[in-house]
N, C-alpha and C. Protein backbone atom coordinates (compact mmCIF):
# COMPACT_ATOMS: atom_id res chain seq x y z
N MET A 1 -13.29 23.67 4.83
CA MET A 1 -13.43 24.40 3.58
C MET A 1 -12.62 25.69 3.57
N LEU A 2 -12.25 26.19 4.74
CA LEU A 2 -11.47 27.42 4.78
C LEU A 2 -10.14 27.24 4.06
N TRP A 3 -9.52 26.06 4.20
CA TRP A 3 -8.24 25.81 3.52
C TRP A 3 -8.39 25.90 2.01
N LEU A 4 -9.58 25.53 1.49
CA LEU A 4 -9.80 25.58 0.05
C LEU A 4 -9.85 27.02 -0.44
N LYS A 5 -10.55 27.87 0.31
CA LYS A 5 -10.62 29.29 -0.07
C LYS A 5 -9.24 29.93 0.02
N GLU A 6 -8.48 29.58 1.04
CA GLU A 6 -7.12 30.12 1.18
C GLU A 6 -6.24 29.64 0.02
N SER A 7 -6.41 28.40 -0.39
CA SER A 7 -5.65 27.87 -1.52
C SER A 7 -6.00 28.63 -2.80
N ALA A 8 -7.28 28.90 -3.00
CA ALA A 8 -7.72 29.65 -4.18
C ALA A 8 -7.15 31.06 -4.16
N LYS A 9 -7.14 31.69 -2.98
CA LYS A 9 -6.56 33.03 -2.88
C LYS A 9 -5.08 33.01 -3.23
N GLY A 10 -4.38 31.97 -2.82
CA GLY A 10 -2.97 31.82 -3.16
C GLY A 10 -2.76 31.70 -4.66
N ALA A 11 -3.65 30.96 -5.31
CA ALA A 11 -3.57 30.81 -6.77
C ALA A 11 -3.80 32.15 -7.46
N VAL A 12 -4.70 32.96 -6.92
CA VAL A 12 -4.97 34.28 -7.49
C VAL A 12 -3.74 35.17 -7.37
N GLU A 13 -3.09 35.14 -6.24
CA GLU A 13 -1.89 35.96 -6.05
C GLU A 13 -0.80 35.57 -7.05
N ILE A 14 -0.65 34.28 -7.31
CA ILE A 14 0.32 33.83 -8.32
C ILE A 14 -0.10 34.32 -9.70
N ALA A 15 -1.38 34.18 -10.02
CA ALA A 15 -1.87 34.62 -11.34
C ALA A 15 -1.71 36.12 -11.54
N ARG A 16 -1.86 36.90 -10.48
CA ARG A 16 -1.74 38.36 -10.58
C ARG A 16 -0.35 38.81 -11.00
N LYS A 17 0.64 37.98 -10.80
CA LYS A 17 2.00 38.32 -11.24
C LYS A 17 2.05 38.45 -12.76
N HIS A 18 1.18 37.71 -13.45
CA HIS A 18 1.15 37.73 -14.91
C HIS A 18 -0.09 38.45 -15.45
N PHE A 19 -1.16 38.44 -14.68
CA PHE A 19 -2.43 39.04 -15.09
C PHE A 19 -2.95 39.91 -13.95
N PRO A 20 -2.50 41.17 -13.86
CA PRO A 20 -2.80 42.01 -12.70
C PRO A 20 -4.30 42.27 -12.45
N GLU A 21 -5.13 42.08 -13.44
CA GLU A 21 -6.55 42.38 -13.28
C GLU A 21 -7.37 41.20 -12.78
N VAL A 22 -6.72 40.11 -12.39
CA VAL A 22 -7.43 38.92 -11.90
C VAL A 22 -8.25 39.29 -10.66
N LYS A 23 -9.49 38.79 -10.61
CA LYS A 23 -10.38 39.04 -9.47
C LYS A 23 -10.94 37.72 -8.98
N CYS A 24 -11.27 37.67 -7.70
CA CYS A 24 -11.92 36.49 -7.11
C CYS A 24 -13.43 36.71 -7.08
N LYS A 25 -14.16 35.68 -7.34
CA LYS A 25 -15.61 35.65 -7.18
C LYS A 25 -15.93 34.40 -6.40
N TRP A 26 -16.87 34.49 -5.46
CA TRP A 26 -17.17 33.36 -4.58
C TRP A 26 -18.66 33.03 -4.62
N GLY A 27 -18.97 31.75 -4.58
CA GLY A 27 -20.34 31.28 -4.40
C GLY A 27 -21.24 31.50 -5.59
N ASP A 28 -22.52 31.29 -5.35
CA ASP A 28 -23.53 31.44 -6.41
C ASP A 28 -23.58 32.87 -6.93
N GLU A 29 -23.46 33.83 -6.04
CA GLU A 29 -23.50 35.24 -6.45
C GLU A 29 -22.33 35.56 -7.39
N GLY A 30 -21.14 35.08 -7.04
CA GLY A 30 -19.98 35.30 -7.89
C GLY A 30 -20.13 34.64 -9.25
N LEU A 31 -20.65 33.42 -9.26
CA LEU A 31 -20.88 32.72 -10.51
C LEU A 31 -21.87 33.48 -11.39
N ASN A 32 -22.94 33.99 -10.79
CA ASN A 32 -23.92 34.76 -11.55
C ASN A 32 -23.31 36.04 -12.11
N GLU A 33 -22.45 36.71 -11.34
CA GLU A 33 -21.77 37.91 -11.83
C GLU A 33 -20.91 37.58 -13.06
N ILE A 34 -20.20 36.47 -12.99
CA ILE A 34 -19.35 36.06 -14.12
C ILE A 34 -20.20 35.77 -15.35
N ILE A 35 -21.27 35.02 -15.17
CA ILE A 35 -22.13 34.64 -16.29
C ILE A 35 -22.75 35.87 -16.94
N GLN A 36 -23.14 36.86 -16.15
CA GLN A 36 -23.82 38.04 -16.67
C GLN A 36 -22.87 39.09 -17.27
N ASP A 37 -21.57 39.03 -16.98
CA ASP A 37 -20.63 40.05 -17.40
C ASP A 37 -20.02 39.70 -18.76
N SER A 38 -20.50 40.36 -19.81
CA SER A 38 -20.03 40.04 -21.17
C SER A 38 -18.61 40.53 -21.43
N SER A 39 -18.05 41.35 -20.53
CA SER A 39 -16.68 41.82 -20.74
C SER A 39 -15.63 40.80 -20.31
N ILE A 40 -16.04 39.75 -19.62
CA ILE A 40 -15.10 38.73 -19.16
C ILE A 40 -14.75 37.82 -20.34
N VAL A 41 -13.45 37.71 -20.63
CA VAL A 41 -13.02 36.91 -21.78
C VAL A 41 -12.41 35.58 -21.37
N GLY A 42 -12.13 35.38 -20.08
CA GLY A 42 -11.57 34.13 -19.62
C GLY A 42 -11.85 33.90 -18.16
N VAL A 43 -12.01 32.65 -17.78
CA VAL A 43 -12.35 32.31 -16.40
C VAL A 43 -11.56 31.08 -15.97
N ALA A 44 -11.01 31.12 -14.77
CA ALA A 44 -10.44 29.94 -14.14
C ALA A 44 -11.30 29.64 -12.93
N VAL A 45 -11.86 28.47 -12.88
CA VAL A 45 -12.74 28.09 -11.79
C VAL A 45 -11.99 27.13 -10.87
N VAL A 46 -11.86 27.52 -9.60
CA VAL A 46 -11.17 26.69 -8.62
C VAL A 46 -12.21 26.22 -7.62
N VAL A 47 -12.52 24.92 -7.67
CA VAL A 47 -13.55 24.37 -6.79
C VAL A 47 -13.11 23.02 -6.26
N ALA A 48 -13.71 22.64 -5.16
CA ALA A 48 -13.50 21.29 -4.64
C ALA A 48 -14.16 20.30 -5.59
N ALA A 49 -13.59 19.11 -5.69
CA ALA A 49 -14.09 18.11 -6.63
C ALA A 49 -15.57 17.82 -6.43
N GLU A 50 -16.01 17.77 -5.18
CA GLU A 50 -17.41 17.41 -4.92
C GLU A 50 -18.40 18.47 -5.38
N THR A 51 -17.93 19.69 -5.62
CA THR A 51 -18.83 20.75 -6.09
C THR A 51 -18.89 20.83 -7.61
N MET A 52 -18.01 20.10 -8.28
CA MET A 52 -17.92 20.21 -9.74
C MET A 52 -19.24 19.84 -10.43
N VAL A 53 -19.91 18.80 -9.99
CA VAL A 53 -21.16 18.39 -10.63
C VAL A 53 -22.20 19.49 -10.53
N CYS A 54 -22.34 20.09 -9.36
CA CYS A 54 -23.31 21.18 -9.19
C CYS A 54 -22.95 22.36 -10.08
N LEU A 55 -21.67 22.68 -10.17
CA LEU A 55 -21.23 23.79 -11.00
C LEU A 55 -21.55 23.54 -12.47
N ILE A 56 -21.28 22.34 -12.94
CA ILE A 56 -21.58 22.01 -14.34
C ILE A 56 -23.07 22.13 -14.61
N LEU A 57 -23.88 21.66 -13.70
CA LEU A 57 -25.34 21.77 -13.89
C LEU A 57 -25.79 23.22 -13.90
N ASP A 58 -25.24 24.05 -13.00
CA ASP A 58 -25.59 25.47 -12.98
C ASP A 58 -25.19 26.16 -14.28
N LEU A 59 -23.99 25.85 -14.77
CA LEU A 59 -23.54 26.45 -16.03
C LEU A 59 -24.40 26.01 -17.20
N ARG A 60 -24.76 24.73 -17.20
CA ARG A 60 -25.63 24.24 -18.26
C ARG A 60 -26.98 24.94 -18.24
N ASP A 61 -27.56 25.09 -17.05
CA ASP A 61 -28.85 25.78 -16.93
C ASP A 61 -28.74 27.23 -17.38
N ALA A 62 -27.65 27.90 -17.00
CA ALA A 62 -27.45 29.30 -17.41
C ALA A 62 -27.31 29.39 -18.92
N TYR A 63 -26.58 28.48 -19.51
CA TYR A 63 -26.38 28.46 -20.96
C TYR A 63 -27.71 28.24 -21.67
N GLU A 64 -28.48 27.27 -21.20
CA GLU A 64 -29.77 26.98 -21.82
C GLU A 64 -30.74 28.15 -21.68
N SER A 65 -30.73 28.81 -20.51
CA SER A 65 -31.64 29.94 -20.32
C SER A 65 -31.22 31.14 -21.17
N SER A 66 -29.92 31.25 -21.50
CA SER A 66 -29.48 32.36 -22.35
C SER A 66 -30.03 32.19 -23.76
N TRP A 67 -30.23 30.93 -24.19
CA TRP A 67 -30.83 30.70 -25.50
C TRP A 67 -32.33 30.99 -25.47
N ASP A 68 -32.97 30.75 -24.32
CA ASP A 68 -34.40 31.02 -24.20
C ASP A 68 -34.70 32.50 -24.31
N SER A 69 -33.78 33.35 -23.81
CA SER A 69 -34.03 34.79 -23.82
C SER A 69 -33.57 35.45 -25.11
N ALA A 70 -32.87 34.70 -25.98
CA ALA A 70 -32.37 35.28 -27.24
C ALA A 70 -33.44 35.33 -28.30
């Protein structure tokens, strides 16, 4: 999995050439920070294919809970 994180860091460095404010967020904590930060206007998620299902379910749960608190 280390190669995956290194690959993501490489993608960030490329993106920073055009978007200097790009930041990396990792794991569940990073995902929660992104979801809670209303100033974020765009997100690129770089994950291994096998984690995609879990990520989609987490995002769905976060979306549904945001409606519960509204």
